Amino acid sequence: MDRSKIVAIVTGAIAVVLSLAYLVVVQLLDMRGEMVPAPIGWIPLMNAIVQVLVH
């Protein structure tokens, strides 16, 4: 086999492995459930804590 063919095959194999790994990671992240935003009620409390720590 020619060197350029071996490089092409190895590069293609790496691309396939990376794409499959990406799909697995996306599926694992998707199984965690619905993305719920942080509760808004904590924002004033955090502002008060920061003000106490700064002063």
N, C-alpha and C. Protein backbone atom coordinates (compact mmCIF):
# COMPACT_ATOMS: atom_id res chain seq x y z
N MET A 1 0.83 -1.18 0.00
CA MET A 1 0.00 0.00 0.00
C MET A 1 0.87 1.24 0.00
N ASP A 2 0.36 2.25 -0.63
CA ASP A 2 1.06 3.52 -0.69
C ASP A 2 0.94 4.26 0.64
N ARG A 3 1.93 5.06 0.98
CA ARG A 3 1.91 5.78 2.25
C ARG A 3 0.72 6.72 2.35
N SER A 4 0.37 7.37 1.26
CA SER A 4 -0.76 8.32 1.30
C SER A 4 -2.08 7.59 1.56
N LYS A 5 -2.23 6.36 1.06
CA LYS A 5 -3.45 5.60 1.33
C LYS A 5 -3.53 5.21 2.81
N ILE A 6 -2.40 4.85 3.40
CA ILE A 6 -2.38 4.49 4.81
C ILE A 6 -2.75 5.70 5.67
N VAL A 7 -2.20 6.85 5.32
CA VAL A 7 -2.52 8.08 6.06
C VAL A 7 -4.00 8.40 5.93
N ALA A 8 -4.55 8.23 4.73
CA ALA A 8 -5.97 8.51 4.52
C ALA A 8 -6.85 7.56 5.33
N ILE A 9 -6.49 6.29 5.38
CA ILE A 9 -7.28 5.31 6.14
C ILE A 9 -7.21 5.60 7.63
N VAL A 10 -6.02 5.89 8.13
CA VAL A 10 -5.85 6.20 9.55
C VAL A 10 -6.62 7.48 9.90
N THR A 11 -6.53 8.49 9.07
CA THR A 11 -7.25 9.74 9.31
C THR A 11 -8.75 9.51 9.31
N GLY A 12 -9.24 8.72 8.37
CA GLY A 12 -10.67 8.40 8.32
C GLY A 12 -11.12 7.63 9.55
N ALA A 13 -10.30 6.69 10.01
CA ALA A 13 -10.64 5.91 11.20
C ALA A 13 -10.70 6.82 12.44
N ILE A 14 -9.75 7.73 12.54
CA ILE A 14 -9.76 8.67 13.67
C ILE A 14 -11.01 9.54 13.62
N ALA A 15 -11.39 9.99 12.43
CA ALA A 15 -12.58 10.82 12.29
C ALA A 15 -13.83 10.06 12.71
N VAL A 16 -13.92 8.79 12.32
CA VAL A 16 -15.09 7.98 12.69
C VAL A 16 -15.13 7.77 14.20
N VAL A 17 -14.01 7.48 14.82
CA VAL A 17 -13.96 7.28 16.27
C VAL A 17 -14.35 8.55 17.00
N LEU A 18 -13.84 9.69 16.56
CA LEU A 18 -14.19 10.95 17.21
C LEU A 18 -15.66 11.28 17.05
N SER A 19 -16.21 11.01 15.88
CA SER A 19 -17.64 11.31 15.67
C SER A 19 -18.52 10.40 16.52
N LEU A 20 -18.16 9.14 16.65
CA LEU A 20 -18.93 8.23 17.50
C LEU A 20 -18.81 8.62 18.97
N ALA A 21 -17.62 9.03 19.40
CA ALA A 21 -17.44 9.47 20.78
C ALA A 21 -18.28 10.72 21.04
N TYR A 22 -18.35 11.62 20.07
CA TYR A 22 -19.18 12.83 20.23
C TYR A 22 -20.65 12.45 20.37
N LEU A 23 -21.12 11.53 19.56
CA LEU A 23 -22.51 11.10 19.65
C LEU A 23 -22.81 10.47 21.01
N VAL A 24 -21.88 9.70 21.54
CA VAL A 24 -22.08 9.08 22.85
C VAL A 24 -22.15 10.15 23.94
N VAL A 25 -21.26 11.13 23.87
CA VAL A 25 -21.27 12.20 24.87
C VAL A 25 -22.57 13.00 24.80
N VAL A 26 -23.04 13.29 23.59
CA VAL A 26 -24.30 14.03 23.45
C VAL A 26 -25.46 13.21 24.01
N GLN A 27 -25.48 11.93 23.77
CA GLN A 27 -26.56 11.09 24.30
C GLN A 27 -26.52 11.05 25.83
N LEU A 28 -25.32 10.95 26.39
CA LEU A 28 -25.20 10.93 27.85
C LEU A 28 -25.67 12.25 28.47
N LEU A 29 -25.30 13.36 27.84
CA LEU A 29 -25.75 14.65 28.35
C LEU A 29 -27.25 14.83 28.17
N ASP A 30 -27.79 14.28 27.12
CA ASP A 30 -29.22 14.40 26.86
C ASP A 30 -30.04 13.57 27.84
N MET A 31 -29.48 12.49 28.35
CA MET A 31 -30.21 11.62 29.29
C MET A 31 -30.36 12.25 30.67
N ARG A 32 -29.64 13.33 30.93
CA ARG A 32 -29.70 13.95 32.26
C ARG A 32 -31.06 14.56 32.53
N GLY A 33 -31.82 14.84 31.51
CA GLY A 33 -33.15 15.39 31.71
C GLY A 33 -33.26 16.81 31.20
N GLU A 34 -34.38 17.41 31.53
CA GLU A 34 -34.67 18.76 31.05
C GLU A 34 -33.74 19.77 31.71
N MET A 35 -33.31 20.74 30.92
CA MET A 35 -32.48 21.81 31.46
C MET A 35 -33.37 22.82 32.17
N VAL A 36 -33.18 22.96 33.46
CA VAL A 36 -33.99 23.86 34.27
C VAL A 36 -33.12 25.04 34.68
N PRO A 37 -33.57 26.27 34.43
CA PRO A 37 -32.75 27.43 34.82
C PRO A 37 -32.65 27.55 36.34
N ALA A 38 -31.63 28.26 36.77
CA ALA A 38 -31.43 28.47 38.20
C ALA A 38 -32.59 29.27 38.77
N PRO A 39 -32.95 29.01 40.01
CA PRO A 39 -34.06 29.75 40.62
C PRO A 39 -33.71 31.23 40.77
N ILE A 40 -34.64 32.08 40.42
CA ILE A 40 -34.41 33.52 40.47
C ILE A 40 -34.40 34.03 41.90
N GLY A 41 -35.04 33.35 42.81
CA GLY A 41 -35.12 33.78 44.20
C GLY A 41 -33.78 33.88 44.89
N TRP A 42 -32.75 33.22 44.38
CA TRP A 42 -31.44 33.24 45.01
C TRP A 42 -30.65 34.51 44.67
N ILE A 43 -31.02 35.23 43.63
CA ILE A 43 -30.23 36.37 43.18
C ILE A 43 -30.15 37.47 44.25
N PRO A 44 -31.26 37.92 44.86
CA PRO A 44 -31.12 38.95 45.91
C PRO A 44 -30.29 38.47 47.10
N LEU A 45 -30.42 37.21 47.47
CA LEU A 45 -29.64 36.67 48.58
C LEU A 45 -28.16 36.70 48.25
N MET A 46 -27.82 36.32 47.03
CA MET A 46 -26.41 36.33 46.64
C MET A 46 -25.86 37.74 46.59
N ASN A 47 -26.68 38.69 46.14
CA ASN A 47 -26.24 40.10 46.14
C ASN A 47 -25.96 40.58 47.57
N ALA A 48 -26.82 40.20 48.52
CA ALA A 48 -26.62 40.60 49.90
C ALA A 48 -25.35 39.97 50.47
N ILE A 49 -25.09 38.72 50.15
CA ILE A 49 -23.88 38.04 50.63
C ILE A 49 -22.64 38.72 50.06
N VAL A 50 -22.68 39.06 48.80
CA VAL A 50 -21.52 39.73 48.17
C VAL A 50 -21.29 41.09 48.81
N GLN A 51 -22.36 41.84 49.08
CA GLN A 51 -22.21 43.14 49.70
C GLN A 51 -21.59 43.04 51.10
N VAL A 52 -21.98 42.02 51.85
CA VAL A 52 -21.41 41.82 53.20
C VAL A 52 -19.94 41.44 53.10
N LEU A 53 -19.60 40.60 52.17
CA LEU A 53 -18.21 40.16 52.03
C LEU A 53 -17.30 41.27 51.52
N VAL A 54 -17.82 42.14 50.67
CA VAL A 54 -17.01 43.21 50.09
C VAL A 54 -16.72 44.29 51.12
N HIS A 55 -17.67 44.56 51.99
CA HIS A 55 -17.50 45.66 52.97
C HIS A 55 -17.09 45.17 54.29
